[in-house]
């Protein structure tokens, strides 16, 4: 009997920690950066660890709710 491969468990644990850190980063006002990091993480995991990549996809969907788009400043252009 061989021992199970610990790598997926370690990667799974690291992915969960990354998601928690990304959510904290977004709550601290850096949602754009958190989204970029999540996307890069997904890119790295997508082939070898698709389940963990899906976790980052779910996190990215949550993070995008935190992204604030500044509407164009209408009426603030000075007409002199």
Protein backbone atom coordinates (compact mmCIF):
# COMPACT_ATOMS: atom_id res chain seq x y z
CA UNK A 1 0.00 0.00 0.00
CA UNK A 2 1.43 3.35 -0.99
CA UNK A 3 0.83 6.66 0.74
CA UNK A 4 -1.44 9.12 -1.07
CA UNK A 5 0.25 11.90 -2.98
CA UNK A 6 0.33 14.92 -0.61
CA UNK A 7 0.85 17.49 -3.38
CA UNK A 8 -2.84 18.01 -4.26
CA UNK A 9 -3.70 18.45 -0.57
CA UNK A 10 -0.93 20.99 -0.19
CA UNK A 11 -2.01 22.82 -3.33
CA UNK A 12 -5.61 22.74 -2.15
CA UNK A 13 -4.61 24.22 1.19
CA UNK A 14 -2.54 26.91 -0.46
CA UNK A 15 -5.39 27.73 -2.83
CA UNK A 16 -7.79 28.16 0.09
CA UNK A 17 -5.29 30.44 1.84
CA UNK A 18 -4.83 32.43 -1.37
CA UNK A 19 -8.59 32.91 -1.71
CA UNK A 20 -8.82 34.17 1.88
CA UNK A 21 -5.95 36.58 1.27
CA UNK A 22 -7.51 37.81 -1.97
CA UNK A 23 -10.83 38.46 -0.26
CA UNK A 24 -9.05 40.39 2.50
CA UNK A 25 -7.14 42.39 -0.12
CA UNK A 26 -10.40 43.27 -1.87
CA UNK A 27 -12.02 44.32 1.41
CA UNK A 28 -9.01 46.55 2.05
CA UNK A 29 -9.77 48.45 -1.15
CA UNK A 30 -7.53 46.67 -3.65
CA UNK A 31 -10.13 44.59 -5.47
CA UNK A 32 -8.57 45.22 -8.89
CA UNK A 33 -5.24 43.84 -7.75
CA UNK A 34 -6.95 40.88 -6.06
CA UNK A 35 -8.70 40.06 -9.35
CA UNK A 36 -5.41 40.22 -11.27
CA UNK A 37 -3.73 37.87 -8.77
CA UNK A 38 -6.67 35.44 -8.89
CA UNK A 39 -6.52 35.39 -12.68
CA UNK A 40 -2.78 34.67 -12.65
CA UNK A 41 -3.32 31.89 -10.12
CA UNK A 42 -6.02 30.39 -12.32
CA UNK A 43 -3.64 30.50 -15.29
CA UNK A 44 -1.00 28.59 -13.32
CA UNK A 45 -3.37 25.90 -12.03
CA UNK A 46 -5.76 25.38 -14.94
CA UNK A 47 -4.06 22.38 -16.58
CA UNK A 48 -2.50 20.41 -13.73
CA UNK A 49 -5.02 21.26 -10.99
CA UNK A 50 -8.36 22.14 -12.60
CA UNK A 51 -10.34 21.74 -9.37
CA UNK A 52 -8.20 24.35 -7.64
CA UNK A 53 -8.43 26.57 -10.72
CA UNK A 54 -12.23 26.38 -10.34
CA UNK A 55 -11.88 27.61 -6.75
CA UNK A 56 -10.07 30.65 -8.08
CA UNK A 57 -12.75 31.13 -10.73
CA UNK A 58 -15.38 31.22 -7.99
CA UNK A 59 -13.26 33.65 -5.98
CA UNK A 60 -12.82 35.85 -9.03
CA UNK A 61 -16.60 36.04 -9.48
CA UNK A 62 -16.90 37.12 -5.84
CA UNK A 63 -14.07 39.62 -6.19
CA UNK A 64 -15.56 41.30 -9.23
CA UNK A 65 -18.48 42.40 -7.06
CA UNK A 66 -15.96 44.43 -5.06
CA UNK A 67 -14.55 46.23 -8.09
CA UNK A 68 -15.86 49.76 -8.33
CA UNK A 69 -15.99 51.51 -11.65
CA UNK A 70 -15.77 55.28 -11.53
CA UNK A 71 -18.35 56.76 -13.87
CA UNK A 72 -17.10 59.52 -16.13
CA UNK A 73 -17.19 62.91 -14.49
CA UNK A 74 -20.07 64.53 -16.25
CA UNK A 75 -20.45 68.23 -15.92
CA UNK A 76 -17.05 68.72 -14.31
CA UNK A 77 -15.35 69.94 -17.46
CA UNK A 78 -14.86 73.65 -17.13
CA UNK A 79 -16.29 75.80 -19.89
CA UNK A 80 -14.57 79.11 -19.84
